[in-house]
Amino acid sequence: MIKKIAPWAGVAGTGVFTLSFLIQGFLRPGYDPLRMYVSELSIGPQGWIQIASFLFLGLGLFIFSMGVRKFFPDGKASRAGFILLMVIALCYFASGSLVTDPLSMFDNQYSAQGMAHGVFGALVFSLSPACCFVFWRRFRIQPQWERLAAWTLLAGIFLVAVVALMKIAQPHASALNPWAGLIQRCSLVTFYAWICAFALKMRKGSV
């Protein structure tokens, strides 16, 4: 049962979260999606929408990771890949109710819950490319997954580059700071697109 549900959970979790921050970023008064981070949508009276999106994403990725464990019970990525996905899922879920501080990312949070949110966020953005590299090692040697191997490797490399740009853009004095929100979204959308491709491939293998 979990093998059939897991792919849809991965697609639904990442899809709903992406639609949430895209639509809210466009409609929220005073919010600049090019400069401001996704987590800042959790601030204010309408913040519950983004908080719920975080929780839904965490739950979706948790179920997805359980399905991945069933698909890869042994061999390369069977343990490390599952653990990375599980940690990412738990970080999203935990950070949902921990509202970020305004205009803060990773190490410049100042409240207790903001600092906790920053820690979980840093783990997510650090482990996402690592997750791609771990599964690339499995995909490239397994015939039925070879077509996803190249995309997985490119996604991992791109995520490393974007995370580095996020760090550079973080200081308010940085020339990239006005684009910090867009850079973060590039990282999120890339990882979620990879999750969806992974999930759809899993679905083909479960029918």
N, C-alpha and C. Protein backbone atom coordinates (compact mmCIF):
# COMPACT_ATOMS: atom_id res chain seq x y z
N MET A 1 0.81 -1.21 0.00
CA MET A 1 0.00 0.00 0.00
C MET A 1 0.86 1.27 0.00
N ILE A 2 1.89 1.30 0.86
CA ILE A 2 2.73 2.49 0.96
C ILE A 2 3.44 2.78 -0.35
N LYS A 3 3.77 1.74 -1.13
CA LYS A 3 4.46 1.95 -2.40
C LYS A 3 3.55 2.66 -3.41
N LYS A 4 2.23 2.48 -3.28
CA LYS A 4 1.31 3.15 -4.18
C LYS A 4 0.97 4.57 -3.72
N ILE A 5 0.93 4.76 -2.40
CA ILE A 5 0.58 6.07 -1.86
C ILE A 5 1.77 7.04 -1.90
N ALA A 6 2.98 6.53 -1.64
CA ALA A 6 4.16 7.36 -1.48
C ALA A 6 4.44 8.30 -2.66
N PRO A 7 4.38 7.82 -3.92
CA PRO A 7 4.64 8.75 -5.03
C PRO A 7 3.69 9.93 -5.05
N TRP A 8 2.40 9.67 -4.82
CA TRP A 8 1.42 10.75 -4.82
C TRP A 8 1.65 11.70 -3.65
N ALA A 9 2.10 11.18 -2.52
CA ALA A 9 2.40 12.03 -1.37
C ALA A 9 3.55 12.98 -1.68
N GLY A 10 4.58 12.47 -2.38
CA GLY A 10 5.70 13.33 -2.76
C GLY A 10 5.29 14.43 -3.71
N VAL A 11 4.47 14.07 -4.71
CA VAL A 11 4.00 15.05 -5.69
C VAL A 11 3.06 16.07 -5.04
N ALA A 12 2.13 15.58 -4.22
CA ALA A 12 1.16 16.47 -3.58
C ALA A 12 1.84 17.42 -2.60
N GLY A 13 2.75 16.90 -1.79
CA GLY A 13 3.43 17.74 -0.80
C GLY A 13 4.21 18.87 -1.43
N THR A 14 5.04 18.53 -2.41
CA THR A 14 5.87 19.56 -3.06
C THR A 14 5.02 20.48 -3.94
N GLY A 15 3.99 19.91 -4.60
CA GLY A 15 3.14 20.71 -5.47
C GLY A 15 2.33 21.75 -4.71
N VAL A 16 1.70 21.33 -3.62
CA VAL A 16 0.89 22.26 -2.81
C VAL A 16 1.77 23.34 -2.20
N PHE A 17 2.93 22.95 -1.70
CA PHE A 17 3.83 23.93 -1.09
C PHE A 17 4.27 24.97 -2.12
N THR A 18 4.63 24.51 -3.33
CA THR A 18 5.07 25.43 -4.37
C THR A 18 3.96 26.38 -4.79
N LEU A 19 2.76 25.85 -5.01
CA LEU A 19 1.62 26.70 -5.36
C LEU A 19 1.32 27.70 -4.25
N SER A 20 1.47 27.26 -3.02
CA SER A 20 1.20 28.13 -1.88
C SER A 20 2.12 29.35 -1.89
N PHE A 21 3.43 29.12 -2.00
CA PHE A 21 4.32 30.28 -1.93
C PHE A 21 4.29 31.12 -3.20
N LEU A 22 3.98 30.52 -4.34
CA LEU A 22 3.88 31.30 -5.57
C LEU A 22 2.64 32.21 -5.55
N ILE A 23 1.50 31.65 -5.19
CA ILE A 23 0.26 32.42 -5.17
C ILE A 23 0.30 33.48 -4.07
N GLN A 24 0.73 33.09 -2.87
CA GLN A 24 0.81 34.06 -1.78
C GLN A 24 1.82 35.16 -2.07
N GLY A 25 2.94 34.78 -2.67
CA GLY A 25 3.95 35.78 -3.00
C GLY A 25 3.43 36.82 -3.97
N PHE A 26 2.51 36.41 -4.82
CA PHE A 26 1.93 37.33 -5.80
C PHE A 26 0.83 38.19 -5.19
N LEU A 27 0.05 37.61 -4.27
CA LEU A 27 -1.13 38.29 -3.75
C LEU A 27 -0.90 39.05 -2.44
N ARG A 28 0.10 38.65 -1.65
CA ARG A 28 0.27 39.24 -0.32
C ARG A 28 0.71 40.70 -0.42
N PRO A 29 -0.05 41.65 0.11
CA PRO A 29 0.34 43.07 0.07
C PRO A 29 1.65 43.31 0.81
N GLY A 30 2.53 44.06 0.19
CA GLY A 30 3.80 44.42 0.82
C GLY A 30 4.87 43.34 0.77
N TYR A 31 4.55 42.23 0.16
CA TYR A 31 5.51 41.13 0.08
C TYR A 31 6.18 41.15 -1.29
N ASP A 32 7.53 41.09 -1.28
CA ASP A 32 8.30 41.09 -2.52
C ASP A 32 8.95 39.72 -2.71
N PRO A 33 8.40 38.86 -3.59
CA PRO A 33 8.95 37.50 -3.75
C PRO A 33 10.35 37.47 -4.34
N LEU A 34 10.78 38.54 -4.98
CA LEU A 34 12.14 38.57 -5.51
C LEU A 34 13.17 38.76 -4.41
N ARG A 35 12.80 39.48 -3.37
CA ARG A 35 13.74 39.81 -2.30
C ARG A 35 13.50 39.02 -1.02
N MET A 36 12.24 38.70 -0.73
CA MET A 36 11.90 38.11 0.56
C MET A 36 11.82 36.59 0.47
N TYR A 37 12.14 35.93 1.59
CA TYR A 37 12.19 34.48 1.63
C TYR A 37 10.79 33.87 1.77
N VAL A 38 10.66 32.64 1.34
CA VAL A 38 9.39 31.92 1.43
C VAL A 38 8.90 31.85 2.87
N SER A 39 9.80 31.61 3.79
CA SER A 39 9.41 31.46 5.20
C SER A 39 8.74 32.72 5.76
N GLU A 40 9.03 33.87 5.17
CA GLU A 40 8.43 35.12 5.67
C GLU A 40 6.94 35.20 5.40
N LEU A 41 6.42 34.31 4.56
CA LEU A 41 4.98 34.24 4.35
C LEU A 41 4.26 33.70 5.58
N SER A 42 5.02 33.12 6.53
CA SER A 42 4.42 32.61 7.77
C SER A 42 4.16 33.72 8.78
N ILE A 43 4.65 34.92 8.49
CA ILE A 43 4.51 36.06 9.41
C ILE A 43 3.18 36.77 9.15
N GLY A 44 2.50 37.16 10.20
CA GLY A 44 1.29 37.96 10.05
C GLY A 44 0.01 37.16 10.14
N PRO A 45 -1.13 37.84 10.02
CA PRO A 45 -2.44 37.19 10.16
C PRO A 45 -2.69 36.06 9.17
N GLN A 46 -2.12 36.18 7.98
CA GLN A 46 -2.31 35.14 6.97
C GLN A 46 -1.22 34.08 7.02
N GLY A 47 -0.36 34.18 8.00
CA GLY A 47 0.77 33.26 8.09
C GLY A 47 0.39 31.81 8.26
N TRP A 48 -0.81 31.57 8.79
CA TRP A 48 -1.25 30.19 9.03
C TRP A 48 -1.29 29.38 7.73
N ILE A 49 -1.50 30.07 6.60
CA ILE A 49 -1.56 29.35 5.32
C ILE A 49 -0.20 28.73 5.01
N GLN A 50 0.86 29.51 5.18
CA GLN A 50 2.19 29.00 4.90
C GLN A 50 2.62 27.98 5.95
N ILE A 51 2.22 28.20 7.19
CA ILE A 51 2.53 27.23 8.24
C ILE A 51 1.90 25.88 7.91
N ALA A 52 0.63 25.91 7.49
CA ALA A 52 -0.05 24.67 7.11
C ALA A 52 0.64 24.02 5.91
N SER A 53 1.15 24.85 4.99
CA SER A 53 1.85 24.32 3.82
C SER A 53 3.14 23.62 4.23
N PHE A 54 3.85 24.18 5.19
CA PHE A 54 5.06 23.55 5.71
C PHE A 54 4.73 22.17 6.30
N LEU A 55 3.68 22.12 7.10
CA LEU A 55 3.30 20.87 7.75
C LEU A 55 2.87 19.83 6.71
N PHE A 56 2.12 20.27 5.70
CA PHE A 56 1.67 19.36 4.65
C PHE A 56 2.85 18.84 3.85
N LEU A 57 3.81 19.71 3.54
CA LEU A 57 5.00 19.28 2.82
C LEU A 57 5.80 18.28 3.63
N GLY A 58 5.98 18.55 4.93
CA GLY A 58 6.71 17.63 5.78
C GLY A 58 6.07 16.26 5.83
N LEU A 59 4.74 16.24 5.96
CA LEU A 59 4.01 14.98 5.99
C LEU A 59 4.13 14.24 4.66
N GLY A 60 3.99 14.99 3.55
CA GLY A 60 4.10 14.37 2.23
C GLY A 60 5.46 13.74 1.99
N LEU A 61 6.51 14.47 2.37
CA LEU A 61 7.86 13.94 2.18
C LEU A 61 8.15 12.77 3.12
N PHE A 62 7.55 12.79 4.29
CA PHE A 62 7.71 11.66 5.22
C PHE A 62 7.14 10.39 4.61
N ILE A 63 5.92 10.48 4.08
CA ILE A 63 5.30 9.31 3.44
C ILE A 63 6.10 8.89 2.21
N PHE A 64 6.56 9.88 1.46
CA PHE A 64 7.38 9.59 0.27
C PHE A 64 8.65 8.83 0.65
N SER A 65 9.30 9.27 1.72
CA SER A 65 10.54 8.62 2.16
C SER A 65 10.29 7.18 2.58
N MET A 66 9.14 6.92 3.19
CA MET A 66 8.80 5.55 3.56
C MET A 66 8.61 4.67 2.32
N GLY A 67 8.04 5.25 1.27
CA GLY A 67 7.91 4.51 0.03
C GLY A 67 9.25 4.24 -0.62
N VAL A 68 10.14 5.21 -0.56
CA VAL A 68 11.49 5.04 -1.12
C VAL A 68 12.20 3.88 -0.42
N ARG A 69 11.99 3.78 0.88
CA ARG A 69 12.61 2.68 1.64
C ARG A 69 12.12 1.32 1.13
N LYS A 70 10.84 1.26 0.75
CA LYS A 70 10.28 0.01 0.21
C LYS A 70 10.85 -0.29 -1.18
N PHE A 71 11.07 0.75 -1.98
CA PHE A 71 11.59 0.56 -3.34
C PHE A 71 13.06 0.17 -3.34
N PHE A 72 13.80 0.66 -2.36
CA PHE A 72 15.23 0.37 -2.29
C PHE A 72 15.57 -0.25 -0.93
N PRO A 73 15.20 -1.51 -0.72
CA PRO A 73 15.43 -2.15 0.58
C PRO A 73 16.89 -2.46 0.87
N ASP A 74 17.72 -2.52 -0.18
CA ASP A 74 19.14 -2.80 0.02
C ASP A 74 19.95 -2.17 -1.11
N GLY A 75 21.25 -2.21 -0.97
CA GLY A 75 22.14 -1.65 -1.98
C GLY A 75 22.41 -0.17 -1.75
N LYS A 76 23.06 0.46 -2.72
CA LYS A 76 23.44 1.87 -2.62
C LYS A 76 22.21 2.75 -2.44
N ALA A 77 22.33 3.72 -1.56
CA ALA A 77 21.29 4.72 -1.26
C ALA A 77 20.13 4.15 -0.45
N SER A 78 20.10 2.85 -0.20
CA SER A 78 18.97 2.27 0.51
C SER A 78 18.86 2.81 1.94
N ARG A 79 19.98 3.04 2.58
CA ARG A 79 19.95 3.57 3.94
C ARG A 79 20.18 5.08 3.97
N ALA A 80 21.27 5.54 3.34
CA ALA A 80 21.61 6.96 3.39
C ALA A 80 20.53 7.80 2.72
N GLY A 81 20.02 7.35 1.57
CA GLY A 81 19.00 8.11 0.86
C GLY A 81 17.73 8.23 1.67
N PHE A 82 17.31 7.13 2.27
CA PHE A 82 16.10 7.14 3.10
C PHE A 82 16.27 8.08 4.30
N ILE A 83 17.43 8.02 4.94
CA ILE A 83 17.68 8.87 6.11
C ILE A 83 17.68 10.34 5.73
N LEU A 84 18.32 10.69 4.61
CA LEU A 84 18.35 12.08 4.18
C LEU A 84 16.95 12.61 3.89
N LEU A 85 16.16 11.83 3.17
CA LEU A 85 14.79 12.24 2.87
C LEU A 85 13.97 12.38 4.15
N MET A 86 14.15 11.46 5.08
CA MET A 86 13.42 11.51 6.33
C MET A 86 13.78 12.75 7.15
N VAL A 87 15.08 13.05 7.22
CA VAL A 87 15.52 14.23 7.97
C VAL A 87 14.97 15.51 7.33
N ILE A 88 15.01 15.59 6.00
CA ILE A 88 14.47 16.76 5.30
C ILE A 88 12.98 16.90 5.61
N ALA A 89 12.25 15.78 5.56
CA ALA A 89 10.81 15.82 5.86
C ALA A 89 10.55 16.31 7.28
N LEU A 90 11.29 15.79 8.24
CA LEU A 90 11.10 16.18 9.64
C LEU A 90 11.48 17.64 9.86
N CYS A 91 12.50 18.12 9.16
CA CYS A 91 12.91 19.53 9.29
C CYS A 91 11.81 20.45 8.76
N TYR A 92 11.21 20.09 7.64
CA TYR A 92 10.11 20.90 7.11
C TYR A 92 8.95 20.92 8.09
N PHE A 93 8.61 19.75 8.62
CA PHE A 93 7.48 19.66 9.54
C PHE A 93 7.76 20.46 10.82
N ALA A 94 8.97 20.32 11.35
CA ALA A 94 9.31 21.00 12.60
C ALA A 94 9.37 22.51 12.42
N SER A 95 9.87 22.95 11.27
CA SER A 95 10.02 24.39 11.05
C SER A 95 8.70 25.08 10.76
N GLY A 96 7.66 24.29 10.45
CA GLY A 96 6.38 24.88 10.10
C GLY A 96 5.82 25.81 11.17
N SER A 97 5.82 25.35 12.42
CA SER A 97 5.26 26.15 13.50
C SER A 97 6.27 27.10 14.13
N LEU A 98 7.51 27.04 13.68
CA LEU A 98 8.56 27.93 14.18
C LEU A 98 8.72 29.08 13.19
N VAL A 99 8.01 30.17 13.44
CA VAL A 99 7.96 31.27 12.48
C VAL A 99 9.30 31.99 12.43
N THR A 100 9.76 32.25 11.22
CA THR A 100 11.03 32.93 11.02
C THR A 100 10.95 34.40 11.44
N ASP A 101 12.10 35.02 11.63
CA ASP A 101 12.16 36.45 11.88
C ASP A 101 12.16 37.19 10.55
N PRO A 102 11.63 38.40 10.50
CA PRO A 102 11.57 39.14 9.24
C PRO A 102 12.96 39.35 8.63
N LEU A 103 13.03 39.18 7.31
CA LEU A 103 14.27 39.40 6.55
C LEU A 103 15.45 38.63 7.11
N SER A 104 15.18 37.42 7.62
CA SER A 104 16.24 36.61 8.21
C SER A 104 16.35 35.26 7.51
N MET A 105 17.58 34.77 7.46
CA MET A 105 17.81 33.47 6.84
C MET A 105 19.01 32.82 7.51
N PHE A 106 18.88 31.56 7.89
CA PHE A 106 19.96 30.76 8.47
C PHE A 106 20.52 31.38 9.75
N ASP A 107 21.65 32.10 9.64
CA ASP A 107 22.40 32.47 10.85
C ASP A 107 22.17 33.89 11.33
N ASN A 108 21.19 34.61 10.80
CA ASN A 108 20.94 35.97 11.32
C ASN A 108 19.55 36.09 11.94
N GLN A 109 19.05 34.97 12.49
CA GLN A 109 17.81 34.99 13.26
C GLN A 109 18.13 35.53 14.65
N TYR A 110 17.13 36.16 15.31
CA TYR A 110 17.40 36.73 16.62
C TYR A 110 16.47 36.21 17.72
N SER A 111 15.28 35.71 17.38
CA SER A 111 14.39 35.13 18.40
C SER A 111 14.69 33.63 18.53
N ALA A 112 14.21 33.02 19.63
CA ALA A 112 14.47 31.60 19.86
C ALA A 112 13.84 30.75 18.76
N GLN A 113 12.57 31.03 18.43
CA GLN A 113 11.92 30.23 17.40
C GLN A 113 12.50 30.54 16.02
N GLY A 114 12.94 31.78 15.83
CA GLY A 114 13.58 32.13 14.57
C GLY A 114 14.89 31.39 14.39
N MET A 115 15.67 31.29 15.47
CA MET A 115 16.94 30.56 15.39
C MET A 115 16.70 29.08 15.12
N ALA A 116 15.67 28.51 15.76
CA ALA A 116 15.35 27.10 15.52
C ALA A 116 14.92 26.90 14.06
N HIS A 117 14.12 27.83 13.56
CA HIS A 117 13.70 27.76 12.15
C HIS A 117 14.91 27.84 11.23
N GLY A 118 15.85 28.71 11.57
CA GLY A 118 17.06 28.85 10.77
C GLY A 118 17.89 27.58 10.74
N VAL A 119 17.97 26.89 11.88
CA VAL A 119 18.73 25.64 11.94
C VAL A 119 18.09 24.59 11.04
N PHE A 120 16.77 24.44 11.16
CA PHE A 120 16.08 23.46 10.32
C PHE A 120 16.18 23.82 8.84
N GLY A 121 16.09 25.12 8.54
CA GLY A 121 16.21 25.56 7.16
C GLY A 121 17.59 25.28 6.59
N ALA A 122 18.63 25.53 7.39
CA ALA A 122 19.99 25.27 6.95
C ALA A 122 20.20 23.79 6.66
N LEU A 123 19.60 22.93 7.49
CA LEU A 123 19.70 21.49 7.25
C LEU A 123 19.02 21.10 5.94
N VAL A 124 17.84 21.66 5.69
CA VAL A 124 17.11 21.34 4.46
C VAL A 124 17.93 21.72 3.22
N PHE A 125 18.44 22.94 3.20
CA PHE A 125 19.17 23.40 2.03
C PHE A 125 20.54 22.73 1.87
N SER A 126 21.11 22.26 2.97
CA SER A 126 22.39 21.55 2.90
C SER A 126 22.21 20.10 2.46
N LEU A 127 21.14 19.47 2.96
CA LEU A 127 20.92 18.05 2.69
C LEU A 127 20.26 17.79 1.35
N SER A 128 19.59 18.77 0.77
CA SER A 128 18.90 18.56 -0.51
C SER A 128 19.87 18.15 -1.62
N PRO A 129 20.97 18.90 -1.85
CA PRO A 129 21.91 18.43 -2.88
C PRO A 129 22.58 17.11 -2.50
N ALA A 130 22.86 16.91 -1.21
CA ALA A 130 23.45 15.65 -0.78
C ALA A 130 22.53 14.49 -1.12
N CYS A 131 21.24 14.69 -0.96
CA CYS A 131 20.25 13.66 -1.28
C CYS A 131 20.32 13.29 -2.76
N CYS A 132 20.44 14.30 -3.62
CA CYS A 132 20.55 14.04 -5.06
C CYS A 132 21.79 13.22 -5.37
N PHE A 133 22.92 13.58 -4.79
CA PHE A 133 24.16 12.87 -5.07
C PHE A 133 24.10 11.41 -4.59
N VAL A 134 23.47 11.20 -3.44
CA VAL A 134 23.36 9.84 -2.92
C VAL A 134 22.53 8.97 -3.85
N PHE A 135 21.41 9.49 -4.31
CA PHE A 135 20.56 8.69 -5.20
C PHE A 135 21.16 8.57 -6.60
N TRP A 136 21.94 9.54 -7.02
CA TRP A 136 22.62 9.44 -8.31
C TRP A 136 23.52 8.21 -8.36
N ARG A 137 24.19 7.90 -7.26
CA ARG A 137 25.05 6.73 -7.19
C ARG A 137 24.26 5.44 -7.42
N ARG A 138 23.00 5.43 -7.03
CA ARG A 138 22.13 4.26 -7.22
C ARG A 138 21.55 4.25 -8.63
N PHE A 139 21.06 5.39 -9.06
CA PHE A 139 20.38 5.46 -10.36
C PHE A 139 21.31 5.10 -11.52
N ARG A 140 22.58 5.50 -11.43
CA ARG A 140 23.48 5.31 -12.57
C ARG A 140 23.88 3.84 -12.77
N ILE A 141 23.64 3.00 -11.78
CA ILE A 141 24.02 1.59 -11.93
C ILE A 141 22.81 0.66 -12.02
N GLN A 142 21.60 1.24 -11.94
CA GLN A 142 20.39 0.42 -11.99
C GLN A 142 19.66 0.73 -13.30
N PRO A 143 19.58 -0.22 -14.22
CA PRO A 143 19.05 0.03 -15.57
C PRO A 143 17.72 0.78 -15.61
N GLN A 144 16.77 0.39 -14.79
CA GLN A 144 15.45 1.02 -14.85
C GLN A 144 15.43 2.45 -14.32
N TRP A 145 16.53 2.87 -13.70
CA TRP A 145 16.61 4.23 -13.17
C TRP A 145 17.65 5.09 -13.90
N GLU A 146 18.32 4.53 -14.91
CA GLU A 146 19.40 5.24 -15.58
C GLU A 146 18.96 6.56 -16.21
N ARG A 147 17.74 6.61 -16.72
CA ARG A 147 17.26 7.82 -17.38
C ARG A 147 17.13 8.99 -16.41
N LEU A 148 17.01 8.70 -15.12
CA LEU A 148 16.90 9.76 -14.12
C LEU A 148 18.26 10.15 -13.55
N ALA A 149 19.30 9.38 -13.86
CA ALA A 149 20.61 9.61 -13.26
C ALA A 149 21.20 10.96 -13.64
N ALA A 150 21.19 11.29 -14.94
CA ALA A 150 21.80 12.54 -15.39
C ALA A 150 21.09 13.75 -14.78
N TRP A 151 19.76 13.73 -14.79
CA TRP A 151 18.98 14.82 -14.21
C TRP A 151 19.25 14.94 -12.71
N THR A 152 19.43 13.81 -12.03
CA THR A 152 19.72 13.82 -10.60
C THR A 152 21.07 14.46 -10.31
N LEU A 153 22.07 14.11 -11.13
CA LEU A 153 23.40 14.70 -10.94
C LEU A 153 23.37 16.20 -11.21
N LEU A 154 22.72 16.62 -12.29
CA LEU A 154 22.64 18.05 -12.63
C LEU A 154 21.89 18.82 -11.54
N ALA A 155 20.83 18.22 -11.02
CA ALA A 155 20.07 18.88 -9.95
C ALA A 155 20.94 19.08 -8.72
N GLY A 156 21.74 18.07 -8.36
CA GLY A 156 22.62 18.18 -7.21
C GLY A 156 23.66 19.27 -7.39
N ILE A 157 24.28 19.33 -8.57
CA ILE A 157 25.28 20.36 -8.84
C ILE A 157 24.66 21.75 -8.82
N PHE A 158 23.49 21.88 -9.44
CA PHE A 158 22.80 23.17 -9.47
C PHE A 158 22.43 23.62 -8.06
N LEU A 159 21.97 22.69 -7.24
CA LEU A 159 21.58 23.03 -5.87
C LEU A 159 22.78 23.51 -5.05
N VAL A 160 23.93 22.91 -5.24
CA VAL A 160 25.14 23.37 -4.54
C VAL A 160 25.45 24.81 -4.91
N ALA A 161 25.37 25.10 -6.22
CA ALA A 161 25.66 26.46 -6.69
C ALA A 161 24.66 27.47 -6.15
N VAL A 162 23.38 27.10 -6.15
CA VAL A 162 22.34 28.03 -5.70
C VAL A 162 22.43 28.26 -4.19
N VAL A 163 22.72 27.22 -3.44
CA VAL A 163 22.88 27.39 -1.99
C VAL A 163 24.05 28.33 -1.68
N ALA A 164 25.12 28.23 -2.47
CA ALA A 164 26.24 29.15 -2.29
C ALA A 164 25.82 30.59 -2.59
N LEU A 165 25.02 30.76 -3.64
CA LEU A 165 24.52 32.10 -3.98
C LEU A 165 23.59 32.63 -2.89
N MET A 166 22.81 31.74 -2.29
CA MET A 166 21.94 32.16 -1.19
C MET A 166 22.75 32.72 -0.03
N LYS A 167 23.86 32.07 0.25
CA LYS A 167 24.72 32.54 1.34
C LYS A 167 25.33 33.90 1.00
N ILE A 168 25.73 34.07 -0.26
CA ILE A 168 26.31 35.35 -0.68
C ILE A 168 25.26 36.45 -0.64
N ALA A 169 24.01 36.11 -1.00
CA ALA A 169 22.94 37.11 -1.07
C ALA A 169 22.37 37.47 0.29
N GLN A 170 22.70 36.72 1.32
CA GLN A 170 22.07 36.90 2.62
C GLN A 170 22.34 38.26 3.25
N PRO A 171 23.60 38.76 3.30
CA PRO A 171 23.83 40.08 3.91
C PRO A 171 23.06 41.17 3.18
N HIS A 172 22.47 42.09 3.91
CA HIS A 172 21.68 43.14 3.29
C HIS A 172 22.51 44.03 2.38
N ALA A 173 23.81 44.11 2.62
CA ALA A 173 24.68 44.94 1.80
C ALA A 173 25.11 44.25 0.50
N SER A 174 24.80 42.97 0.36
CA SER A 174 25.21 42.23 -0.81
C SER A 174 24.48 42.73 -2.06
N ALA A 175 25.18 42.73 -3.19
CA ALA A 175 24.57 43.13 -4.45
C ALA A 175 23.47 42.16 -4.88
N LEU A 176 23.53 40.93 -4.37
CA LEU A 176 22.54 39.92 -4.72
C LEU A 176 21.34 39.93 -3.78
N ASN A 177 21.40 40.71 -2.70
CA ASN A 177 20.33 40.69 -1.71
C ASN A 177 18.95 41.02 -2.28
N PRO A 178 18.83 41.97 -3.22
CA PRO A 178 17.50 42.24 -3.80
C PRO A 178 16.90 41.05 -4.54
N TRP A 179 17.73 40.02 -4.82
CA TRP A 179 17.27 38.84 -5.53
C TRP A 179 17.29 37.59 -4.65
N ALA A 180 17.44 37.79 -3.35
CA ALA A 180 17.58 36.66 -2.43
C ALA A 180 16.38 35.72 -2.48
N GLY A 181 15.18 36.28 -2.56
CA GLY A 181 13.98 35.45 -2.61
C GLY A 181 13.91 34.62 -3.87
N LEU A 182 14.28 35.21 -4.99
CA LEU A 182 14.27 34.48 -6.26
C LEU A 182 15.30 33.36 -6.24
N ILE A 183 16.48 33.64 -5.69
CA ILE A 183 17.53 32.61 -5.62
C ILE A 183 17.06 31.44 -4.76
N GLN A 184 16.44 31.75 -3.62
CA GLN A 184 15.93 30.68 -2.77
C GLN A 184 14.88 29.85 -3.49
N ARG A 185 14.00 30.50 -4.22
CA ARG A 185 12.96 29.79 -4.95
C ARG A 185 13.53 28.88 -6.04
N CYS A 186 14.63 29.29 -6.64
CA CYS A 186 15.29 28.43 -7.64
C CYS A 186 15.75 27.13 -7.00
N SER A 187 16.26 27.23 -5.78
CA SER A 187 16.69 26.02 -5.06
C SER A 187 15.50 25.13 -4.74
N LEU A 188 14.44 25.73 -4.20
CA LEU A 188 13.26 24.95 -3.81
C LEU A 188 12.61 24.27 -5.00
N VAL A 189 12.39 25.02 -6.08
CA VAL A 189 11.71 24.47 -7.24
C VAL A 189 12.53 23.35 -7.88
N THR A 190 13.85 23.51 -7.90
CA THR A 190 14.71 22.46 -8.48
C THR A 190 14.59 21.17 -7.69
N PHE A 191 14.68 21.26 -6.37
CA PHE A 191 14.59 20.06 -5.54
C PHE A 191 13.21 19.42 -5.64
N TYR A 192 12.16 20.24 -5.64
CA TYR A 192 10.81 19.70 -5.72
C TYR A 192 10.54 19.06 -7.08
N ALA A 193 11.09 19.65 -8.14
CA ALA A 193 10.94 19.05 -9.48
C ALA A 193 11.61 17.68 -9.52
N TRP A 194 12.77 17.58 -8.85
CA TRP A 194 13.46 16.30 -8.79
C TRP A 194 12.65 15.28 -7.99
N ILE A 195 12.08 15.71 -6.88
CA ILE A 195 11.22 14.82 -6.09
C ILE A 195 10.06 14.32 -6.93
N CYS A 196 9.44 15.21 -7.70
CA CYS A 196 8.30 14.81 -8.54
C CYS A 196 8.73 13.82 -9.61
N ALA A 197 9.88 14.06 -10.25
CA ALA A 197 10.38 13.13 -11.26
C ALA A 197 10.66 11.77 -10.63
N PHE A 198 11.27 11.78 -9.46
CA PHE A 198 11.55 10.57 -8.68
C PHE A 198 10.24 9.84 -8.37
N ALA A 199 9.26 10.59 -7.89
CA ALA A 199 7.98 10.01 -7.49
C ALA A 199 7.24 9.40 -8.66
N LEU A 200 7.23 10.08 -9.80
CA LEU A 200 6.53 9.56 -10.98
C LEU A 200 7.20 8.29 -11.51
N LYS A 201 8.52 8.25 -11.39
CA LYS A 201 9.25 7.03 -11.78
C LYS A 201 8.89 5.89 -10.82
N MET A 202 8.79 6.20 -9.55
CA MET A 202 8.39 5.20 -8.56
C MET A 202 6.98 4.69 -8.88
N ARG A 203 6.09 5.59 -9.25
CA ARG A 203 4.71 5.20 -9.54
C ARG A 203 4.66 4.20 -10.72
N LYS A 204 5.48 4.44 -11.73
CA LYS A 204 5.52 3.51 -12.86
C LYS A 204 5.97 2.13 -12.42
N GLY A 205 6.85 2.12 -11.42
CA GLY A 205 7.36 0.83 -10.93
C GLY A 205 6.42 0.13 -9.98
N SER A 206 5.37 0.83 -9.52
CA SER A 206 4.46 0.24 -8.54
C SER A 206 3.18 -0.29 -9.16
N VAL A 207 3.01 -0.07 -10.49
CA VAL A 207 1.78 -0.52 -11.13
C VAL A 207 2.05 -1.73 -12.00
